[in-house]
Amino acid sequence: MIYILEDDDSIRELLEYSLCRSGLEARGFSTPHEFGAAVAAECPTLVLLDVMLPDIDGFEVCRRIRASGSRMGIIMLTA
């Protein structure tokens, strides 16, 4: 499972669509809160993480993921 945390709807939807069309499982989230709730329910293998997010930036989300002890892969998305 690949999670996409991206607040821009068009970018998030394009990434999710492209990954799913390639035969991968992907779910998109627009806020860190939605993302955190989903991670608590199911830990993904990989996260595509936007740097510029509302409320909490991508760097802080990354720090929190690592502080939790998770070893999921993280790819940072930047403009």
C-alpha atoms as a PDB file:
ATOM      1  CA  MET A   1       0.000   0.000   0.000  1.00  0.00           C
ATOM      2  CA  ILE A   2       1.235   3.461  -0.936  1.00  0.00           C
ATOM      3  CA  TYR A   3      -0.147   6.493   0.881  1.00  0.00           C
ATOM      4  CA  ILE A   4      -0.041   9.925  -0.716  1.00  0.00           C
ATOM      5  CA  LEU A   5      -0.176  12.969   1.558  1.00  0.00           C
ATOM      6  CA  GLU A   6      -0.719  15.928  -0.766  1.00  0.00           C
ATOM      7  CA  ASP A   7      -3.033  18.893  -0.188  1.00  0.00           C
ATOM      8  CA  ASP A   8      -3.326  19.800  -3.885  1.00  0.00           C
ATOM      9  CA  ASP A   9      -6.305  17.780  -5.156  1.00  0.00           C
ATOM     10  CA  SER A  10      -5.159  17.605  -8.779  1.00  0.00           C
ATOM     11  CA  ILE A  11      -1.656  16.376  -7.915  1.00  0.00           C
ATOM     12  CA  ARG A  12      -2.927  13.863  -5.338  1.00  0.00           C
ATOM     13  CA  GLU A  13      -5.569  12.475  -7.706  1.00  0.00           C
ATOM     14  CA  LEU A  14      -3.082  12.191 -10.584  1.00  0.00           C
ATOM     15  CA  LEU A  15      -0.569  10.320  -8.408  1.00  0.00           C
ATOM     16  CA  GLU A  16      -3.227   7.992  -7.023  1.00  0.00           C
ATOM     17  CA  TYR A  17      -4.673   7.316 -10.480  1.00  0.00           C
ATOM     18  CA  SER A  18      -1.237   6.662 -12.025  1.00  0.00           C
ATOM     19  CA  LEU A  19      -0.157   4.291  -9.260  1.00  0.00           C
ATOM     20  CA  CYS A  20      -3.437   2.353  -9.364  1.00  0.00           C
ATOM     21  CA  ARG A  21      -3.297   2.103 -13.176  1.00  0.00           C
ATOM     22  CA  SER A  22       0.194   0.615 -12.760  1.00  0.00           C
ATOM     23  CA  GLY A  23      -1.248  -2.185 -10.623  1.00  0.00           C
ATOM     24  CA  LEU A  24      -0.294  -0.754  -7.225  1.00  0.00           C
ATOM     25  CA  GLU A  25      -2.553  -0.013  -4.279  1.00  0.00           C
ATOM     26  CA  ALA A  26      -2.641   3.666  -3.375  1.00  0.00           C
ATOM     27  CA  ARG A  27      -4.717   5.956  -1.154  1.00  0.00           C
ATOM     28  CA  GLY A  28      -4.562   9.724  -1.061  1.00  0.00           C
ATOM     29  CA  PHE A  29      -5.001  12.094   1.876  1.00  0.00           C
ATOM     30  CA  SER A  30      -5.254  15.886   1.876  1.00  0.00           C
ATOM     31  CA  THR A  31      -4.424  16.589   5.528  1.00  0.00           C
ATOM     32  CA  PRO A  32      -1.934  15.248   8.061  1.00  0.00           C
ATOM     33  CA  HIS A  33      -4.866  14.445  10.374  1.00  0.00           C
ATOM     34  CA  GLU A  34      -6.545  12.152   7.792  1.00  0.00           C
ATOM     35  CA  PHE A  35      -3.185  10.591   7.021  1.00  0.00           C
ATOM     36  CA  GLY A  36      -2.392   9.942  10.700  1.00  0.00           C
ATOM     37  CA  ALA A  37      -5.728   8.236  11.284  1.00  0.00           C
ATOM     38  CA  ALA A  38      -5.179   5.995   8.252  1.00  0.00           C
ATOM     39  CA  VAL A  39      -1.626   5.077   9.331  1.00  0.00           C
ATOM     40  CA  ALA A  40      -2.968   4.093  12.757  1.00  0.00           C
ATOM     41  CA  ALA A  41      -5.365   1.671  11.038  1.00  0.00           C
ATOM     42  CA  GLU A  42      -3.000   0.347   8.345  1.00  0.00           C
ATOM     43  CA  CYS A  43       0.706   1.077   7.996  1.00  0.00           C
ATOM     44  CA  PRO A  44       1.685   1.578   4.334  1.00  0.00           C
ATOM     45  CA  THR A  45       4.873   0.331   2.728  1.00  0.00           C
ATOM     46  CA  LEU A  46       5.611   3.715   1.179  1.00  0.00           C
ATOM     47  CA  VAL A  47       4.498   7.333   1.655  1.00  0.00           C
ATOM     48  CA  LEU A  48       4.674  10.063  -0.968  1.00  0.00           C
ATOM     49  CA  LEU A  49       4.845  13.100   1.280  1.00  0.00           C
ATOM     50  CA  ASP A  50       4.313  16.718   0.208  1.00  0.00           C
ATOM     51  CA  VAL A  51       6.589  19.217   1.945  1.00  0.00           C
ATOM     52  CA  MET A  52       4.156  22.161   1.997  1.00  0.00           C
ATOM     53  CA  LEU A  53       1.046  21.044   3.878  1.00  0.00           C
ATOM     54  CA  PRO A  54      -1.582  22.906   5.886  1.00  0.00           C
ATOM     55  CA  ASP A  55      -1.086  22.980   9.683  1.00  0.00           C
ATOM     56  CA  ILE A  56       1.980  20.688   9.821  1.00  0.00           C
ATOM     57  CA  ASP A  57       4.673  20.632   7.137  1.00  0.00           C
ATOM     58  CA  GLY A  58       5.933  17.446   5.527  1.00  0.00           C
ATOM     59  CA  PHE A  59       9.217  17.558   7.430  1.00  0.00           C
ATOM     60  CA  GLU A  60       7.349  17.413  10.748  1.00  0.00           C
ATOM     61  CA  VAL A  61       5.157  14.564   9.472  1.00  0.00           C
ATOM     62  CA  CYS A  62       8.356  12.721   8.501  1.00  0.00           C
ATOM     63  CA  ARG A  63       9.882  13.323  11.950  1.00  0.00           C
ATOM     64  CA  ARG A  64       6.751  11.974  13.620  1.00  0.00           C
ATOM     65  CA  ILE A  65       6.754   8.873  11.417  1.00  0.00           C
ATOM     66  CA  ARG A  66      10.386   8.167  12.308  1.00  0.00           C
ATOM     67  CA  ALA A  67       9.836   8.935  16.008  1.00  0.00           C
ATOM     68  CA  SER A  68       7.086   6.299  16.070  1.00  0.00           C
ATOM     69  CA  GLY A  69       9.668   3.692  15.076  1.00  0.00           C
ATOM     70  CA  SER A  70       8.101   3.040  11.678  1.00  0.00           C
ATOM     71  CA  ARG A  71      10.448   1.991   8.922  1.00  0.00           C
ATOM     72  CA  MET A  72       8.049   2.733   6.044  1.00  0.00           C
ATOM     73  CA  GLY A  73       9.657   4.260   2.989  1.00  0.00           C
ATOM     74  CA  ILE A  74       9.198   7.990   2.536  1.00  0.00           C
ATOM     75  CA  ILE A  75       9.612   9.978  -0.673  1.00  0.00           C
ATOM     76  CA  MET A  76       9.336  13.745  -0.227  1.00  0.00           C
ATOM     77  CA  LEU A  77       7.468  15.682  -2.920  1.00  0.00           C
ATOM     78  CA  THR A  78       8.621  19.259  -3.501  1.00  0.00           C
ATOM     79  CA  ALA A  79       7.740  21.995  -5.964  1.00  0.00           C
END
